Amino acid sequence: MAEKSAKQRVDLNELKSGGFIKQNQKDLFTVRLKVPGGRITPEKLAQIAEIAKKYSRMGFCHLSFRQSVEIVGVHIDDFDAVVKELAAVGQKVASCGPRVRVPTACGGCEYNPNGIMDTQSKALEVDEKFFGIPCPHKFKIGFSGCPIDCTRTREMDLGFQGVVYPVWSKDLCNGCTLCAKACQEGAIISDKEGRPVFDESKCVYCGDCIRACPTDAWKDKKKGWLVRTGGKHGRHPREADSVLNFLPDNKVNDFVDATVKWYKENGKPKERMGSCIDRVGLEKFKKDVVGAFLKN
C-alpha cells in the first residue's frame, strides 16, 4: 500500500491551531510565521522568501495586521518540508485558536523619539514565557511605547502602554513656555511670567513637556506601563478597560501571568477576556489581580 499523503495523516481540525490556515483553494493553506514584536532580520527575511518561492503555489507572502509573515498557498502535502526548512533557518510557525498569541509591539524607545518604554524586549520576554498557553479563547497581548499607542492596546486582551510622570523644577525654568506649546492635552498652561501651571487630570504622561524643555526643568519622576485589559476588535469590538498605571517594568511578566491564570479560572469556553469581564465584573478582576500590584 502506498504511503499515506500528508492530507490523510494530518487532523485538519488541528491545523489552524498549529498556524496552518485553510484557504478557499482546495488543499492550500496559509502558513503563519512567528514574529514577536514584528522584528526580524534581513537575513531571515531573505531565507523565508526563498522558502516561500519554493512552496507558495500562489507566489506571494502576506504581512498580517499582527506583525506575522504569512506564506500563502502552501499545499497540505508540503507541510512537513516547509516546517523542516523553516526550522533550519530558525523560524517557528505561529499558532491560532484558544491560546496566548504572539505579542505585538511598536519600535519603543530603542529608536523612536516618542518611545518611553522598551517594547521590543518586553514582547520577546512575554513571547518566550507565555506563547501558546491554552485559554478559553484567543488572548492577544500588545506593547506600545507611548500614548500615541501605535499597537492599539485598547484593542488587546491585555495591553501595555508606556507612560512617564513629569516633574517641574522652578529653579531651572527660564519661562520659555515651550512646554505649554508642546502639550497637546492642555495639561500645561503658562502664567504671566511664562511659568507652567500643571493640571495632572489632563495629563496622559506622554513626556512631550520633558522633551521640549531646553533647560531640563521638566524631568521624569518615574516611568512604567499603563495597563489595559478586555479589548478586542472585529465584528463586536470592545475598548479595553484601563486598570493600572505606572506598572514597573519588572512586574510585567507577573501581571501577564496573574491575568492569564484569572482568565483561565473565570472565562467560559469561546469567551474573550472582555466578555468575561462584562459577565463577572471589572471590580472582580481588579480585586483578584490588580490589587496585588497596587500593594507593591
Protein backbone atom coordinates (compact mmCIF):
# COMPACT_ATOMS: atom_id res chain seq x y z
CA MET A 1 0.00 0.00 0.00
CA ALA A 2 1.31 3.42 -0.91
CA GLU A 3 2.38 5.69 1.95
CA LYS A 4 -0.43 7.97 3.11
CA SER A 5 -0.23 11.57 1.98
CA ALA A 6 0.13 14.43 4.46
CA LYS A 7 -3.51 15.26 3.77
CA GLN A 8 -4.56 11.82 5.05
CA ARG A 9 -2.19 11.81 8.04
CA VAL A 10 -2.96 15.26 9.46
CA ASP A 11 -6.04 16.05 11.51
CA LEU A 12 -7.49 19.02 9.63
CA ASN A 13 -9.26 20.27 12.76
CA GLU A 14 -5.91 20.86 14.42
CA LEU A 15 -4.18 22.62 11.54
CA LYS A 16 -5.41 26.12 12.33
CA SER A 17 -4.30 25.79 15.93
CA GLY A 18 -0.85 24.98 14.62
CA GLY A 19 -0.65 28.03 12.36
CA PHE A 20 -1.87 26.42 9.13
CA ILE A 21 -4.95 28.36 7.99
CA LYS A 22 -7.28 26.83 5.38
CA GLN A 23 -7.78 28.84 2.21
CA ASN A 24 -10.59 28.90 -0.34
CA GLN A 25 -8.46 26.90 -2.73
CA LYS A 26 -8.52 23.10 -2.44
CA ASP A 27 -5.72 21.73 -0.22
CA LEU A 28 -3.99 25.11 0.04
CA PHE A 29 -3.15 26.77 3.37
CA THR A 30 -1.61 29.96 4.65
CA VAL A 31 1.32 29.25 6.95
CA ARG A 32 1.59 31.90 9.65
CA LEU A 33 5.09 32.54 10.99
CA LYS A 34 6.03 33.62 14.49
CA VAL A 35 7.49 37.16 14.55
CA PRO A 36 7.25 38.61 18.10
CA GLY A 37 7.02 42.39 18.03
CA GLY A 38 7.27 42.36 14.23
CA ARG A 39 11.07 42.28 14.49
CA ILE A 40 13.03 40.18 12.01
CA THR A 41 16.50 40.36 10.48
CA PRO A 42 17.06 40.98 6.76
CA GLU A 43 18.90 37.65 6.58
CA LYS A 44 15.94 35.72 7.94
CA LEU A 45 13.53 37.59 5.68
CA ALA A 46 15.62 36.54 2.71
CA GLN A 47 15.62 32.92 3.89
CA ILE A 48 11.85 32.96 4.36
CA ALA A 49 11.48 34.46 0.91
CA GLU A 50 13.41 31.56 -0.63
CA ILE A 51 11.20 29.05 1.16
CA ALA A 52 8.09 30.93 0.03
CA LYS A 53 9.32 30.92 -3.57
CA LYS A 54 9.71 27.16 -3.34
CA TYR A 55 6.42 26.25 -1.66
CA SER A 56 3.88 29.03 -2.26
CA ARG A 57 1.65 27.99 -5.14
CA MET A 58 0.22 31.49 -5.31
CA GLY A 59 3.55 33.31 -5.46
CA PHE A 60 3.31 35.80 -2.58
CA CYS A 61 3.55 36.38 1.17
CA HIS A 62 1.25 38.44 3.36
CA LEU A 63 2.15 40.69 6.28
CA SER A 64 -0.66 40.26 8.79
CA PHE A 65 -2.15 43.02 10.93
CA ARG A 66 -0.49 41.38 13.95
CA GLN A 67 3.01 41.57 12.50
CA SER A 68 3.26 37.99 11.29
CA VAL A 69 4.75 36.92 7.98
CA GLU A 70 2.41 34.52 6.19
CA ILE A 71 3.35 32.21 3.33
CA VAL A 72 0.24 31.95 1.19
CA GLY A 73 -0.76 28.97 -0.93
CA VAL A 74 1.17 26.11 0.67
CA HIS A 75 -0.12 22.66 -0.31
CA ILE A 76 -1.01 20.31 2.52
CA ASP A 77 1.41 17.69 1.19
CA ASP A 78 4.29 20.16 1.63
CA PHE A 79 3.71 20.88 5.33
CA ASP A 80 6.47 18.64 6.66
CA ALA A 81 9.02 20.02 4.21
CA VAL A 82 8.05 23.63 4.89
CA VAL A 83 8.29 23.22 8.67
CA LYS A 84 11.62 21.44 8.34
CA GLU A 85 13.13 24.12 6.12
CA LEU A 86 11.80 26.93 8.30
CA ALA A 87 13.26 25.25 11.39
CA ALA A 88 16.61 25.00 9.63
CA VAL A 89 16.77 28.82 9.45
CA GLY A 90 15.46 29.27 12.99
CA GLN A 91 11.93 30.28 12.06
CA LYS A 92 8.96 28.91 14.00
CA VAL A 93 5.36 28.62 12.88
CA ALA A 94 2.86 30.63 14.93
CA SER A 95 -0.45 29.36 16.26
CA CYS A 96 -4.10 30.31 16.21
CA GLY A 97 -7.00 29.14 18.32
CA PRO A 98 -7.74 29.47 22.06
CA ARG A 99 -4.32 30.28 23.45
CA VAL A 100 -1.93 33.13 24.16
CA ARG A 101 -0.88 34.57 20.80
CA VAL A 102 2.39 36.12 19.65
CA PRO A 103 2.76 39.59 21.24
CA THR A 104 2.79 42.66 19.04
CA ALA A 105 4.91 45.75 19.70
CA CYS A 106 5.91 49.08 18.23
CA GLY A 107 9.56 50.18 17.98
CA GLY A 108 9.54 51.52 21.53
CA CYS A 109 12.29 53.68 22.95
CA GLU A 110 15.16 51.95 21.16
CA TYR A 111 15.00 54.23 18.12
CA ASN A 112 11.65 56.05 18.17
CA PRO A 113 11.97 59.58 19.63
CA ASN A 114 8.47 59.32 21.16
CA GLY A 115 9.17 55.99 22.83
CA ILE A 116 9.15 55.85 26.62
CA MET A 117 9.47 52.13 27.32
CA ASP A 118 11.35 49.26 25.65
CA THR A 119 8.52 47.44 23.93
CA GLN A 120 10.64 45.08 21.87
CA SER A 121 12.45 43.43 24.77
CA LYS A 122 9.17 43.01 26.65
CA ALA A 123 7.46 41.43 23.65
CA LEU A 124 10.28 38.90 23.37
CA GLU A 125 10.18 38.13 27.10
CA VAL A 126 6.41 37.64 27.14
CA ASP A 127 6.50 35.54 23.98
CA GLU A 128 9.19 33.28 25.42
CA LYS A 129 7.26 32.71 28.66
CA PHE A 130 3.58 32.74 27.69
CA PHE A 131 3.15 31.95 23.98
CA GLY A 132 0.83 29.05 23.34
CA ILE A 133 -0.65 28.73 26.84
CA PRO A 134 -4.22 27.38 26.45
CA CYS A 135 -7.02 29.85 27.28
CA PRO A 136 -10.82 29.92 26.94
CA HIS A 137 -10.39 31.87 23.69
CA LYS A 138 -7.66 33.73 21.82
CA PHE A 139 -5.62 36.02 24.07
CA LYS A 140 -3.76 38.88 22.43
CA ILE A 141 -1.07 40.98 24.10
CA GLY A 142 0.41 44.22 22.75
CA PHE A 143 3.04 46.77 23.77
CA SER A 144 3.04 50.46 22.82
CA GLY A 145 5.97 52.64 23.79
CA CYS A 146 3.98 55.84 24.37
CA PRO A 147 0.42 57.28 24.45
CA ILE A 148 0.34 57.53 20.64
CA ASP A 149 -0.45 53.82 21.06
CA CYS A 150 0.52 52.55 17.63
CA THR A 151 -0.02 48.96 18.76
CA ARG A 152 -3.61 49.80 19.72
CA THR A 153 -3.54 48.47 23.25
CA ARG A 154 -7.19 49.49 23.59
CA GLU A 155 -7.97 46.57 21.28
CA MET A 156 -5.94 43.97 23.17
CA ASP A 157 -6.99 41.37 25.69
CA LEU A 158 -4.03 42.71 27.63
CA GLY A 159 -2.23 45.87 26.55
CA PHE A 160 0.74 47.76 27.95
CA GLN A 161 1.39 51.40 27.03
CA GLY A 162 4.48 53.31 28.11
CA VAL A 163 3.98 56.35 30.36
CA VAL A 164 6.26 58.83 32.14
CA TYR A 165 5.43 61.05 35.11
CA PRO A 166 6.78 64.61 34.64
CA VAL A 167 8.00 66.84 37.46
CA TRP A 168 8.95 70.52 37.17
CA SER A 169 11.82 72.36 38.85
CA LYS A 170 11.19 76.07 39.36
CA ASP A 171 14.88 76.86 39.77
CA LEU A 172 15.75 75.52 36.32
CA CYS A 173 12.83 77.11 34.45
CA ASN A 174 13.52 80.16 32.27
CA GLY A 175 9.86 80.82 31.41
CA CYS A 176 10.20 79.99 27.72
CA THR A 177 6.66 78.46 27.56
CA LEU A 178 7.81 75.68 25.20
CA CYS A 179 6.35 73.02 27.48
CA ALA A 180 2.88 74.57 27.27
CA LYS A 181 3.14 74.78 23.49
CA ALA A 182 4.28 71.15 23.28
CA CYS A 183 1.44 69.81 25.44
CA GLN A 184 -1.38 68.63 23.18
CA GLU A 185 -3.70 67.85 26.07
CA GLY A 186 -3.92 71.30 27.64
CA ALA A 187 -2.39 69.91 30.81
CA ILE A 188 0.16 72.75 30.90
CA ILE A 189 -0.62 76.44 30.52
CA SER A 190 1.75 79.36 31.10
CA ASP A 191 1.23 82.04 33.71
CA LYS A 192 2.12 85.72 33.18
CA GLU A 193 5.80 85.01 33.81
CA GLY A 194 5.86 82.08 31.40
CA ARG A 195 5.97 79.53 34.21
CA PRO A 196 3.99 76.32 33.68
CA VAL A 197 0.78 75.59 35.54
CA PHE A 198 0.29 71.82 35.52
CA ASP A 199 -3.16 70.17 35.55
CA GLU A 200 -2.43 66.49 36.13
CA SER A 201 -6.05 65.49 35.50
CA LYS A 202 -5.49 66.24 31.80
CA CYS A 203 -2.04 64.66 31.55
CA VAL A 204 -1.59 61.46 29.53
CA TYR A 205 2.03 61.10 30.69
CA CYS A 206 3.50 61.28 27.20
CA GLY A 207 6.67 63.18 28.15
CA ASP A 208 6.34 65.84 25.44
CA CYS A 209 6.99 68.54 28.02
CA ILE A 210 10.20 66.82 29.07
CA ARG A 211 11.45 66.53 25.51
CA ALA A 212 10.55 70.16 24.73
CA CYS A 213 12.25 71.71 27.77
CA PRO A 214 15.63 73.28 26.86
CA THR A 215 16.80 73.68 30.48
CA ASP A 216 15.82 70.28 31.93
CA ALA A 217 13.33 71.97 34.23
CA TRP A 218 10.95 69.14 33.33
CA LYS A 219 12.27 65.67 34.19
CA ASP A 220 10.79 62.22 34.58
CA LYS A 221 9.97 61.18 38.12
CA LYS A 222 9.12 57.62 37.11
CA LYS A 223 8.34 55.52 34.06
CA GLY A 224 6.17 52.48 33.68
CA TRP A 225 3.23 50.92 31.91
CA LEU A 226 -0.42 51.87 31.68
CA VAL A 227 -2.23 48.53 31.68
CA ARG A 228 -5.45 47.87 29.76
CA THR A 229 -7.45 44.66 29.57
CA GLY A 230 -10.53 43.29 27.84
CA GLY A 231 -10.14 44.92 24.45
CA LYS A 232 -10.92 43.39 21.06
CA HIS A 233 -11.65 44.44 17.51
CA GLY A 234 -13.64 42.52 14.92
CA ARG A 235 -17.36 42.26 14.41
CA HIS A 236 -18.16 43.16 18.02
CA PRO A 237 -15.36 45.49 19.17
CA ARG A 238 -14.81 46.37 22.81
CA GLU A 239 -12.50 49.06 24.14
CA ALA A 240 -10.18 47.79 26.86
CA ASP A 241 -10.53 49.00 30.43
CA SER A 242 -7.61 50.87 31.98
CA VAL A 243 -6.87 49.01 35.20
CA LEU A 244 -3.45 50.17 36.42
CA ASN A 245 -0.98 52.99 35.79
CA PHE A 246 2.80 53.02 36.15
CA LEU A 247 3.24 49.29 36.49
CA PRO A 248 7.00 48.81 36.93
CA ASP A 249 8.82 47.22 34.02
CA ASN A 250 9.99 44.29 36.11
CA LYS A 251 6.38 43.43 37.05
CA VAL A 252 5.04 42.96 33.51
CA ASN A 253 5.60 39.21 33.37
CA ASP A 254 4.00 38.79 36.79
CA PHE A 255 0.96 40.78 35.65
CA VAL A 256 0.60 38.72 32.48
CA ASP A 257 0.88 35.53 34.50
CA ALA A 258 -1.76 36.64 37.02
CA THR A 259 -4.13 37.80 34.27
CA VAL A 260 -3.86 34.61 32.22
CA LYS A 261 -4.47 32.50 35.32
CA TRP A 262 -7.51 34.64 36.23
CA TYR A 263 -8.87 34.33 32.68
CA LYS A 264 -8.48 30.55 32.71
CA GLU A 265 -10.26 30.33 36.08
CA ASN A 266 -13.13 32.69 35.23
CA GLY A 267 -13.59 32.53 31.46
CA LYS A 268 -16.03 30.25 29.69
CA PRO A 269 -15.11 28.34 26.50
CA LYS A 270 -15.02 30.66 23.46
CA GLU A 271 -15.43 33.72 25.69
CA ARG A 272 -12.97 36.57 25.13
CA MET A 273 -11.39 38.35 28.07
CA GLY A 274 -13.60 41.42 27.65
CA SER A 275 -16.78 39.35 27.61
CA CYS A 276 -15.61 37.54 30.72
CA ILE A 277 -15.07 40.89 32.46
CA ASP A 278 -18.52 42.08 31.37
CA ARG A 279 -20.06 38.94 32.83
CA VAL A 280 -18.25 38.66 36.18
CA GLY A 281 -17.46 42.36 36.65
CA LEU A 282 -14.40 44.56 36.27
CA GLU A 283 -14.23 45.04 40.03
CA LYS A 284 -13.65 41.33 40.50
CA PHE A 285 -10.67 41.45 38.14
CA LYS A 286 -9.30 44.48 39.94
CA LYS A 287 -9.75 42.81 43.31
CA ASP A 288 -8.30 39.46 42.26
CA VAL A 289 -5.44 40.66 40.07
CA VAL A 290 -4.77 44.39 40.19
CA GLY A 291 -4.95 44.66 43.97
CA ALA A 292 -1.79 42.62 44.44
CA PHE A 293 0.17 45.04 42.28
CA LEU A 294 -1.16 48.15 43.98
CA LYS A 295 0.44 46.93 47.19
CA ASN A 296 3.91 46.76 45.65
